[in-house]
Structures are given as C-alpha cells and as structure tokens.
C-alpha atoms as a PDB file:
ATOM      1  CA  UNK A   1     -26.093 -16.552 -59.428  1.00  0.00           C
ATOM      2  CA  UNK A   2     -27.633 -13.564 -60.569  1.00  0.00           C
ATOM      3  CA  UNK A   3     -30.979 -12.400 -59.428  1.00  0.00           C
ATOM      4  CA  UNK A   4     -32.758 -12.547 -62.782  1.00  0.00           C
ATOM      5  CA  UNK A   5     -31.019 -16.135 -63.758  1.00  0.00           C
ATOM      6  CA  UNK A   6     -33.154 -17.186 -60.669  1.00  0.00           C
ATOM      7  CA  UNK A   7     -36.077 -16.123 -61.499  1.00  0.00           C
ATOM      8  CA  UNK A   8     -35.507 -17.243 -65.473  1.00  0.00           C
ATOM      9  CA  UNK A   9     -34.818 -20.907 -63.674  1.00  0.00           C
ATOM     10  CA  UNK A  10     -37.877 -20.217 -61.351  1.00  0.00           C
ATOM     11  CA  UNK A  11     -40.165 -19.874 -64.052  1.00  0.00           C
ATOM     12  CA  UNK A  12     -38.970 -22.317 -66.764  1.00  0.00           C
ATOM     13  CA  UNK A  13     -39.600 -24.903 -63.977  1.00  0.00           C
ATOM     14  CA  UNK A  14     -43.403 -23.824 -63.563  1.00  0.00           C
ATOM     15  CA  UNK A  15     -44.085 -23.576 -67.196  1.00  0.00           C
ATOM     16  CA  UNK A  16     -43.113 -27.447 -68.288  1.00  0.00           C
ATOM     17  CA  UNK A  17     -45.571 -27.879 -64.504  1.00  0.00           C
ATOM     18  CA  UNK A  18     -48.882 -30.220 -65.830  1.00  0.00           C
ATOM     19  CA  UNK A  19     -50.623 -28.215 -63.430  1.00  0.00           C
ATOM     20  CA  UNK A  20     -53.417 -26.518 -65.329  1.00  0.00           C
ATOM     21  CA  UNK A  21     -52.483 -22.278 -64.969  1.00  0.00           C
ATOM     22  CA  UNK A  22     -48.558 -22.931 -64.093  1.00  0.00           C
ATOM     23  CA  UNK A  23     -48.143 -22.653 -68.314  1.00  0.00           C
ATOM     24  CA  UNK A  24     -49.263 -18.518 -68.394  1.00  0.00           C
ATOM     25  CA  UNK A  25     -47.962 -18.201 -65.245  1.00  0.00           C
ATOM     26  CA  UNK A  26     -44.154 -19.517 -66.156  1.00  0.00           C
ATOM     27  CA  UNK A  27     -44.250 -17.695 -70.013  1.00  0.00           C
ATOM     28  CA  UNK A  28     -44.947 -14.284 -66.920  1.00  0.00           C
ATOM     29  CA  UNK A  29     -42.477 -15.101 -64.978  1.00  0.00           C
ATOM     30  CA  UNK A  30     -40.151 -15.905 -67.317  1.00  0.00           C
ATOM     31  CA  UNK A  31     -40.889 -12.316 -68.512  1.00  0.00           C
ATOM     32  CA  UNK A  32     -40.470 -10.805 -65.041  1.00  0.00           C
ATOM     33  CA  UNK A  33     -36.568 -12.384 -65.484  1.00  0.00           C
ATOM     34  CA  UNK A  34     -36.297 -11.837 -68.964  1.00  0.00           C
ATOM     35  CA  UNK A  35     -37.224  -7.847 -68.069  1.00  0.00           C
ATOM     36  CA  UNK A  36     -34.872  -8.202 -64.874  1.00  0.00           C
ATOM     37  CA  UNK A  37     -31.691  -8.933 -67.119  1.00  0.00           C
ATOM     38  CA  UNK A  38     -33.014  -6.502 -69.643  1.00  0.00           C
ATOM     39  CA  UNK A  39     -32.770  -3.936 -66.639  1.00  0.00           C
ATOM     40  CA  UNK A  40     -29.210  -4.397 -65.548  1.00  0.00           C
ATOM     41  CA  UNK A  41     -30.127  -6.738 -62.507  1.00  0.00           C
END
C-alpha cells in the first residue's frame, strides 16, 4: 500500500471520531495525503 493511501485512511479515521478537534485534524491529514498522492509519493 502506498504511503499516501495510508495517510488518507488515517485521516478518514480521525475525521469520523467523535472527539473534539479530530474533525479538523482529520481533514488536515486527509489533505496531506491527497497532496502526497499529487506529488507522486
């Protein structure tokens, strides 16, 4: 599995957690995973 895919999956898990702050954190992690995917990692 590619690193960017793992980062996107981790961000999605954070995004759905019902803990304050993880909504924004998950979104940031997903955005980082998409950026890695676009950069070819």
